[in-house]
């Protein structure tokens, strides 16, 4: 399996986890389990790829599979997933009121 594909999978999983953490941390941002997971996974995948493009260390680390690279991909994907879930939760609440 390609290291780029492994990085993307790690980012998506981390994003899903980050989305659920963000949704659970604030009931105002909660989209439900499925919504948090989906928004987080999309945010993790897309945000992780953007981070790879912006931070050269992460894009170089994606060429090899080591623990440091995987931790970086996991953190980046998790944060991006949490951020996208929070943004969608805020938009949902603004529209609902």
C-alpha atoms as a PDB file:
ATOM      1  CA  UNK A   1       0.000   0.000   0.000  1.00  0.00           C
ATOM      2  CA  UNK A   2       1.324   3.422  -0.945  1.00  0.00           C
ATOM      3  CA  UNK A   3       2.495   5.704   1.845  1.00  0.00           C
ATOM      4  CA  UNK A   4       0.349   8.515   0.402  1.00  0.00           C
ATOM      5  CA  UNK A   5      -2.736   6.312   0.682  1.00  0.00           C
ATOM      6  CA  UNK A   6      -1.801   5.337   4.233  1.00  0.00           C
ATOM      7  CA  UNK A   7      -1.426   9.021   5.135  1.00  0.00           C
ATOM      8  CA  UNK A   8      -4.849   9.819   3.661  1.00  0.00           C
ATOM      9  CA  UNK A   9      -6.493   6.959   5.575  1.00  0.00           C
ATOM     10  CA  UNK A  10      -4.864   8.119   8.823  1.00  0.00           C
ATOM     11  CA  UNK A  11      -6.047  11.688   8.190  1.00  0.00           C
ATOM     12  CA  UNK A  12      -9.620  10.584   7.500  1.00  0.00           C
ATOM     13  CA  UNK A  13      -9.783   8.402  10.618  1.00  0.00           C
ATOM     14  CA  UNK A  14      -8.229  11.148  12.751  1.00  0.00           C
ATOM     15  CA  UNK A  15     -10.660  13.675  11.286  1.00  0.00           C
ATOM     16  CA  UNK A  16     -13.616  11.468  12.185  1.00  0.00           C
ATOM     17  CA  UNK A  17     -12.317  11.201  15.742  1.00  0.00           C
ATOM     18  CA  UNK A  18     -11.668  14.951  15.901  1.00  0.00           C
ATOM     19  CA  UNK A  19     -15.157  15.677  14.605  1.00  0.00           C
ATOM     20  CA  UNK A  20     -16.737  13.524  17.294  1.00  0.00           C
ATOM     21  CA  UNK A  21     -14.586  15.147  19.981  1.00  0.00           C
ATOM     22  CA  UNK A  22     -15.588  18.631  18.809  1.00  0.00           C
ATOM     23  CA  UNK A  23     -19.254  17.663  18.668  1.00  0.00           C
ATOM     24  CA  UNK A  24     -19.116  16.083  22.103  1.00  0.00           C
ATOM     25  CA  UNK A  25     -17.280  19.028  23.630  1.00  0.00           C
ATOM     26  CA  UNK A  26     -20.017  21.512  22.786  1.00  0.00           C
ATOM     27  CA  UNK A  27     -23.676  20.640  22.444  1.00  0.00           C
ATOM     28  CA  UNK A  28     -24.118  23.775  20.299  1.00  0.00           C
ATOM     29  CA  UNK A  29     -21.773  22.321  17.671  1.00  0.00           C
ATOM     30  CA  UNK A  30     -23.067  18.755  17.817  1.00  0.00           C
ATOM     31  CA  UNK A  31     -24.329  17.385  14.498  1.00  0.00           C
ATOM     32  CA  UNK A  32     -25.153  13.941  15.857  1.00  0.00           C
ATOM     33  CA  UNK A  33     -22.787  10.995  15.697  1.00  0.00           C
ATOM     34  CA  UNK A  34     -23.130  10.420  11.966  1.00  0.00           C
ATOM     35  CA  UNK A  35     -22.875  14.138  11.142  1.00  0.00           C
ATOM     36  CA  UNK A  36     -19.845  14.636  13.381  1.00  0.00           C
ATOM     37  CA  UNK A  37     -18.132  11.600  11.875  1.00  0.00           C
ATOM     38  CA  UNK A  38     -18.860  12.588   8.280  1.00  0.00           C
ATOM     39  CA  UNK A  39     -17.897  16.248   8.678  1.00  0.00           C
ATOM     40  CA  UNK A  40     -14.786  15.280  10.619  1.00  0.00           C
ATOM     41  CA  UNK A  41     -13.706  12.696   8.045  1.00  0.00           C
ATOM     42  CA  UNK A  42     -14.095  15.179   5.194  1.00  0.00           C
ATOM     43  CA  UNK A  43     -12.282  17.856   7.173  1.00  0.00           C
ATOM     44  CA  UNK A  44      -9.505  15.454   8.101  1.00  0.00           C
ATOM     45  CA  UNK A  45      -8.951  14.293   4.540  1.00  0.00           C
ATOM     46  CA  UNK A  46      -9.118  17.706   2.895  1.00  0.00           C
ATOM     47  CA  UNK A  47      -7.415  19.597   5.706  1.00  0.00           C
ATOM     48  CA  UNK A  48      -4.656  17.024   5.957  1.00  0.00           C
ATOM     49  CA  UNK A  49      -3.920  17.347   2.266  1.00  0.00           C
ATOM     50  CA  UNK A  50      -3.833  21.139   2.539  1.00  0.00           C
ATOM     51  CA  UNK A  51      -1.425  20.848   5.465  1.00  0.00           C
ATOM     52  CA  UNK A  52       0.771  18.538   3.386  1.00  0.00           C
ATOM     53  CA  UNK A  53       0.926  21.203   0.693  1.00  0.00           C
ATOM     54  CA  UNK A  54       1.629  24.049   3.125  1.00  0.00           C
ATOM     55  CA  UNK A  55       4.100  22.371   5.477  1.00  0.00           C
ATOM     56  CA  UNK A  56       7.005  20.813   3.597  1.00  0.00           C
ATOM     57  CA  UNK A  57       7.972  18.562   6.517  1.00  0.00           C
ATOM     58  CA  UNK A  58       4.657  16.714   6.358  1.00  0.00           C
ATOM     59  CA  UNK A  59       4.773  16.256   2.597  1.00  0.00           C
ATOM     60  CA  UNK A  60       8.336  14.913   2.793  1.00  0.00           C
ATOM     61  CA  UNK A  61       7.361  12.642   5.667  1.00  0.00           C
ATOM     62  CA  UNK A  62       4.499  11.235   3.592  1.00  0.00           C
ATOM     63  CA  UNK A  63       7.078   9.545   1.357  1.00  0.00           C
ATOM     64  CA  UNK A  64       7.974   7.128   4.122  1.00  0.00           C
ATOM     65  CA  UNK A  65       5.907   5.373   6.720  1.00  0.00           C
ATOM     66  CA  UNK A  66       7.352   6.030  10.159  1.00  0.00           C
ATOM     67  CA  UNK A  67       5.830   6.843  13.521  1.00  0.00           C
ATOM     68  CA  UNK A  68       6.708  10.549  13.373  1.00  0.00           C
ATOM     69  CA  UNK A  69       5.008  10.989  10.016  1.00  0.00           C
ATOM     70  CA  UNK A  70       1.925   9.087  11.142  1.00  0.00           C
ATOM     71  CA  UNK A  71       1.638  11.162  14.330  1.00  0.00           C
ATOM     72  CA  UNK A  72       1.902  14.365  12.287  1.00  0.00           C
ATOM     73  CA  UNK A  73      -0.756  13.149   9.863  1.00  0.00           C
ATOM     74  CA  UNK A  74      -3.002  12.063  12.749  1.00  0.00           C
ATOM     75  CA  UNK A  75      -2.756  15.392  14.570  1.00  0.00           C
ATOM     76  CA  UNK A  76      -3.267  17.427  11.397  1.00  0.00           C
ATOM     77  CA  UNK A  77      -6.263  15.371  10.328  1.00  0.00           C
ATOM     78  CA  UNK A  78      -7.813  15.442  13.794  1.00  0.00           C
ATOM     79  CA  UNK A  79      -7.519  19.195  14.157  1.00  0.00           C
ATOM     80  CA  UNK A  80      -8.845  19.816  10.645  1.00  0.00           C
ATOM     81  CA  UNK A  81     -11.783  17.462  11.289  1.00  0.00           C
ATOM     82  CA  UNK A  82     -12.628  19.218  14.538  1.00  0.00           C
ATOM     83  CA  UNK A  83     -12.447  22.635  12.891  1.00  0.00           C
ATOM     84  CA  UNK A  84     -14.729  21.673   9.992  1.00  0.00           C
ATOM     85  CA  UNK A  85     -17.232  20.072  12.364  1.00  0.00           C
ATOM     86  CA  UNK A  86     -17.260  23.232  14.490  1.00  0.00           C
ATOM     87  CA  UNK A  87     -17.767  25.440  11.440  1.00  0.00           C
ATOM     88  CA  UNK A  88     -20.645  23.323  10.129  1.00  0.00           C
ATOM     89  CA  UNK A  89     -22.198  23.217  13.625  1.00  0.00           C
ATOM     90  CA  UNK A  90     -22.041  26.998  13.889  1.00  0.00           C
ATOM     91  CA  UNK A  91     -23.591  27.436  10.454  1.00  0.00           C
ATOM     92  CA  UNK A  92     -26.342  24.945  11.303  1.00  0.00           C
ATOM     93  CA  UNK A  93     -27.168  26.814  14.512  1.00  0.00           C
ATOM     94  CA  UNK A  94     -27.216  30.219  12.777  1.00  0.00           C
ATOM     95  CA  UNK A  95     -29.586  28.963  10.094  1.00  0.00           C
ATOM     96  CA  UNK A  96     -31.858  27.234  12.650  1.00  0.00           C
ATOM     97  CA  UNK A  97     -32.417  30.410  14.679  1.00  0.00           C
END
